[in-house]
């Protein structure tokens, strides 16, 4: 992002003032820890950004100052696409939810971990942490209805279900091929029955897959079929 919309000149000036105040506080903190290189790096980078903002109202990496430019308080959630929706008028559909849902939490944690390293070495102001993905609890506060689709739902999905005793089973094959009919036959003369089934399919130029419980059973079955 290389732009930002300002509501007024006064709001813009207040944003710059907040950036300058935070810069002074962070430089003071670095110097108290004898981190002169980090203090110099931060001063140079932020001063260049402030100069560009005053001249052009934009700078490289302007999103890192989004908290100040939006006049938000520290820790306040950022504005996201979800804020454009009426909470009760949209439906969230999550495919492979057992994999997707943990990503909501991990996005925030990964973003924070990366930026903490940049802040530590003087490449970002601490307020850059507030240009972030939503925390999981902030995300779910913006969702009123959802459908989770998963063959193996986790406890997280099940805990989010309200008013439903059991998940709904949806039997669907994306290839539009119906599930084959399964016949359970008695154990009596099972090898002879299997041999006849194989011969019937061979006459139609079809193949048969026979599955045994153990390697020994598979070897014995193979020997029987070769003999017959």
Protein backbone atom coordinates (compact mmCIF):
# COMPACT_ATOMS: atom_id res chain seq x y z
CA UNK A 1 0.00 0.00 0.00
CA UNK A 2 1.36 3.42 -0.98
CA UNK A 3 -1.57 5.70 -0.21
CA UNK A 4 -3.91 6.71 2.56
CA UNK A 5 -7.08 8.80 2.64
CA UNK A 6 -7.10 11.64 5.15
CA UNK A 7 -10.33 13.10 6.47
CA UNK A 8 -8.89 16.59 7.04
CA UNK A 9 -5.71 18.63 7.27
CA UNK A 10 -5.97 18.68 11.06
CA UNK A 11 -6.26 14.88 11.18
CA UNK A 12 -3.21 14.57 8.94
CA UNK A 13 -1.14 16.87 11.13
CA UNK A 14 -2.22 14.98 14.24
CA UNK A 15 -1.10 11.74 12.57
CA UNK A 16 2.35 13.18 11.86
CA UNK A 17 2.61 14.47 15.43
CA UNK A 18 1.85 11.01 16.81
CA UNK A 19 4.51 9.45 14.57
CA UNK A 20 7.08 12.00 15.73
CA UNK A 21 6.22 11.42 19.40
CA UNK A 22 6.53 7.66 19.04
CA UNK A 23 9.86 8.08 17.22
CA UNK A 24 11.22 10.18 20.09
CA UNK A 25 10.05 7.64 22.68
CA UNK A 26 11.53 4.67 20.82
CA UNK A 27 14.86 6.40 20.15
CA UNK A 28 15.06 7.27 23.85
CA UNK A 29 14.38 3.62 24.69
CA UNK A 30 17.12 2.41 22.33
CA UNK A 31 19.65 4.85 23.78
CA UNK A 32 18.83 3.79 27.32
CA UNK A 33 19.80 0.25 26.24
CA UNK A 34 22.95 1.55 24.50
CA UNK A 35 21.56 0.52 21.10
CA UNK A 36 22.95 3.48 19.17
CA UNK A 37 22.92 1.76 15.77
CA UNK A 38 19.25 0.87 16.11
CA UNK A 39 18.42 4.43 17.24
CA UNK A 40 20.25 5.88 14.23
CA UNK A 41 18.59 3.47 11.80
CA UNK A 42 15.12 4.21 13.12
CA UNK A 43 15.65 7.98 13.14
CA UNK A 44 16.87 7.96 9.55
CA UNK A 45 14.09 5.77 8.20
CA UNK A 46 11.20 7.48 9.99
CA UNK A 47 12.52 10.98 9.26
CA UNK A 48 12.65 10.15 5.55
CA UNK A 49 9.10 8.82 5.70
CA UNK A 50 7.84 11.92 7.52
CA UNK A 51 9.48 14.17 4.93
CA UNK A 52 7.84 12.21 2.11
CA UNK A 53 4.46 12.31 3.86
CA UNK A 54 4.63 16.08 4.28
CA UNK A 55 5.60 16.62 0.63
CA UNK A 56 3.51 14.00 -1.15
CA UNK A 57 1.18 12.60 1.54
CA UNK A 58 2.56 9.17 0.83
CA UNK A 59 5.73 7.14 1.40
CA UNK A 60 7.12 3.68 0.85
CA UNK A 61 5.58 1.32 3.40
CA UNK A 62 2.91 3.79 4.49
CA UNK A 63 0.87 0.88 5.85
CA UNK A 64 3.32 0.64 8.76
CA UNK A 65 1.93 3.95 10.04
CA UNK A 66 -1.72 2.97 9.58
CA UNK A 67 -2.49 3.17 13.30
CA UNK A 68 -1.45 6.81 13.48
CA UNK A 69 -2.88 7.74 10.08
CA UNK A 70 -6.24 6.27 11.13
CA UNK A 71 -5.92 7.90 14.58
CA UNK A 72 -6.53 4.54 16.25
CA UNK A 73 -5.49 3.69 19.77
CA UNK A 74 -2.72 1.17 20.43
CA UNK A 75 -3.94 -2.41 20.09
CA UNK A 76 -7.18 -1.45 18.30
CA UNK A 77 -8.08 -3.82 15.45
CA UNK A 78 -7.39 -2.55 11.93
CA UNK A 79 -10.11 -1.93 9.37
CA UNK A 80 -10.61 -4.93 7.10
CA UNK A 81 -12.90 -6.01 4.29
CA UNK A 82 -15.24 -7.53 6.89
CA UNK A 83 -16.04 -4.03 8.17
CA UNK A 84 -17.76 -3.26 4.86
CA UNK A 85 -20.33 -6.02 5.46
CA UNK A 86 -23.36 -5.90 7.68
CA UNK A 87 -22.58 -8.60 10.23
CA UNK A 88 -25.94 -10.35 9.84
CA UNK A 89 -26.16 -10.17 6.05
CA UNK A 90 -23.32 -12.36 4.85
CA UNK A 91 -22.43 -16.03 5.13
CA UNK A 92 -18.93 -17.39 5.69
CA UNK A 93 -18.22 -20.74 3.98
CA UNK A 94 -14.97 -22.40 5.04
CA UNK A 95 -13.76 -25.33 2.93
CA UNK A 96 -11.39 -27.84 4.56
CA UNK A 97 -12.09 -26.02 7.81
CA UNK A 98 -9.86 -28.31 9.91
CA UNK A 99 -6.93 -26.77 7.99
CA UNK A 100 -8.30 -23.27 7.32
CA UNK A 101 -9.42 -22.25 10.81
CA UNK A 102 -6.00 -22.56 12.47
CA UNK A 103 -4.65 -20.18 9.80
CA UNK A 104 -6.72 -17.35 11.27
CA UNK A 105 -4.74 -17.52 14.49
CA UNK A 106 -1.42 -18.30 12.78
CA UNK A 107 -1.65 -15.29 10.43
CA UNK A 108 -1.68 -12.92 13.39
CA UNK A 109 1.12 -14.73 15.20
CA UNK A 110 3.37 -14.97 12.13
CA UNK A 111 2.88 -11.30 11.29
CA UNK A 112 3.67 -10.26 14.86
CA UNK A 113 6.76 -12.46 15.06
CA UNK A 114 8.19 -10.98 11.85
CA UNK A 115 7.55 -7.37 12.86
CA UNK A 116 8.96 -7.79 16.36
CA UNK A 117 12.30 -8.61 14.76
CA UNK A 118 12.13 -5.49 12.57
CA UNK A 119 11.22 -3.33 15.58
CA UNK A 120 14.04 -4.83 17.62
CA UNK A 121 16.62 -3.75 15.04
CA UNK A 122 15.21 -0.29 14.40
CA UNK A 123 13.50 -0.87 11.06
CA UNK A 124 9.96 -0.20 12.30
CA UNK A 125 8.20 1.74 15.02
CA UNK A 126 6.35 -0.43 17.58
CA UNK A 127 3.05 0.88 16.19
CA UNK A 128 3.71 -1.17 13.04
CA UNK A 129 2.40 -4.12 15.07
CA UNK A 130 -1.09 -2.63 14.72
CA UNK A 131 -0.97 -2.98 10.93
CA UNK A 132 -1.88 -6.63 11.22
CA UNK A 133 -4.37 -9.39 10.52
CA UNK A 134 -7.27 -9.69 12.92
CA UNK A 135 -6.84 -11.81 16.01
CA UNK A 136 -9.00 -14.93 16.01
CA UNK A 137 -11.43 -13.50 18.56
CA UNK A 138 -11.71 -10.24 16.57
CA UNK A 139 -12.41 -12.21 13.41
CA UNK A 140 -15.21 -14.24 14.97
CA UNK A 141 -16.81 -11.11 16.42
CA UNK A 142 -17.44 -10.07 12.80
CA UNK A 143 -18.99 -13.39 11.77
CA UNK A 144 -22.57 -14.24 12.69
CA UNK A 145 -23.16 -17.30 10.50
CA UNK A 146 -20.82 -19.81 8.92
CA UNK A 147 -20.69 -23.20 7.23
CA UNK A 148 -17.67 -25.39 7.92
CA UNK A 149 -16.95 -28.09 5.32
CA UNK A 150 -14.57 -30.83 6.42
CA UNK A 151 -14.24 -34.60 6.22
CA UNK A 152 -12.48 -34.50 9.61
CA UNK A 153 -13.85 -31.56 11.64
CA UNK A 154 -11.75 -30.54 14.62
CA UNK A 155 -12.92 -29.60 18.10
CA UNK A 156 -12.73 -25.93 17.06
CA UNK A 157 -15.49 -26.29 14.46
CA UNK A 158 -17.59 -28.40 16.76
CA UNK A 159 -17.27 -25.81 19.55
CA UNK A 160 -18.54 -23.08 17.22
CA UNK A 161 -21.72 -24.95 16.35
CA UNK A 162 -24.72 -23.51 18.19
CA UNK A 163 -28.12 -25.18 18.33
CA UNK A 164 -27.01 -28.25 16.36
CA UNK A 165 -26.52 -31.51 18.21
CA UNK A 166 -24.56 -33.25 15.47
CA UNK A 167 -22.78 -32.09 12.31
CA UNK A 168 -24.70 -32.59 9.08
CA UNK A 169 -23.36 -35.37 6.86
CA UNK A 170 -23.12 -34.29 3.24
CA UNK A 171 -22.51 -37.26 0.96
CA UNK A 172 -21.31 -35.87 -2.35
CA UNK A 173 -18.87 -37.02 -4.98
CA UNK A 174 -17.36 -34.19 -7.03
CA UNK A 175 -16.96 -36.49 -10.04
CA UNK A 176 -20.74 -37.12 -10.11
CA UNK A 177 -20.01 -40.87 -9.91
CA UNK A 178 -22.32 -42.78 -7.60
CA UNK A 179 -20.81 -44.86 -4.84
CA UNK A 180 -20.61 -48.51 -5.93
CA UNK A 181 -22.94 -51.09 -4.45
CA UNK A 182 -21.25 -53.17 -1.74
CA UNK A 183 -22.16 -56.85 -1.33
CA UNK A 184 -21.16 -58.75 1.80
CA UNK A 185 -20.90 -62.48 1.04
CA UNK A 186 -20.57 -65.41 3.49
CA UNK A 187 -17.15 -66.86 4.26
CA UNK A 188 -18.17 -70.33 3.01
CA UNK A 189 -16.35 -71.19 -0.26
CA UNK A 190 -15.07 -67.61 -0.48
CA UNK A 191 -12.13 -68.54 -2.72
CA UNK A 192 -14.41 -70.29 -5.21
CA UNK A 193 -16.78 -67.32 -5.17
CA UNK A 194 -13.88 -64.93 -5.70
CA UNK A 195 -12.57 -67.02 -8.59
CA UNK A 196 -15.98 -66.99 -10.26
CA UNK A 197 -16.26 -63.21 -9.81
CA UNK A 198 -12.84 -62.76 -11.42
CA UNK A 199 -13.80 -64.97 -14.37
CA UNK A 200 -17.05 -63.07 -14.86
CA UNK A 201 -15.20 -59.77 -15.03
CA UNK A 202 -12.44 -61.16 -17.23
CA UNK A 203 -15.11 -62.22 -19.74
CA UNK A 204 -16.12 -58.53 -19.91
CA UNK A 205 -12.47 -57.46 -20.25
CA UNK A 206 -12.57 -55.97 -16.75
CA UNK A 207 -10.00 -56.28 -13.98
CA UNK A 208 -10.38 -57.30 -10.33
CA UNK A 209 -8.58 -56.02 -7.25
CA UNK A 210 -8.48 -58.53 -4.38
CA UNK A 211 -7.29 -57.31 -0.98
CA UNK A 212 -6.02 -59.62 1.78
CA UNK A 213 -5.47 -58.91 5.48
CA UNK A 214 -1.85 -60.03 5.68
CA UNK A 215 1.12 -60.60 3.40
CA UNK A 216 0.82 -64.37 4.00
CA UNK A 217 -2.85 -64.32 2.96
CA UNK A 218 -1.93 -62.33 -0.18
CA UNK A 219 0.77 -64.86 -1.09
CA UNK A 220 -1.59 -67.81 -0.57
CA UNK A 221 -4.29 -66.09 -2.62
CA UNK A 222 -1.86 -65.38 -5.43
CA UNK A 223 -0.77 -69.04 -5.49
CA UNK A 224 -4.40 -70.20 -5.59
CA UNK A 225 -5.24 -67.90 -8.48
CA UNK A 226 -2.16 -68.94 -10.47
CA UNK A 227 -3.12 -72.63 -10.05
CA UNK A 228 -6.64 -71.96 -11.25
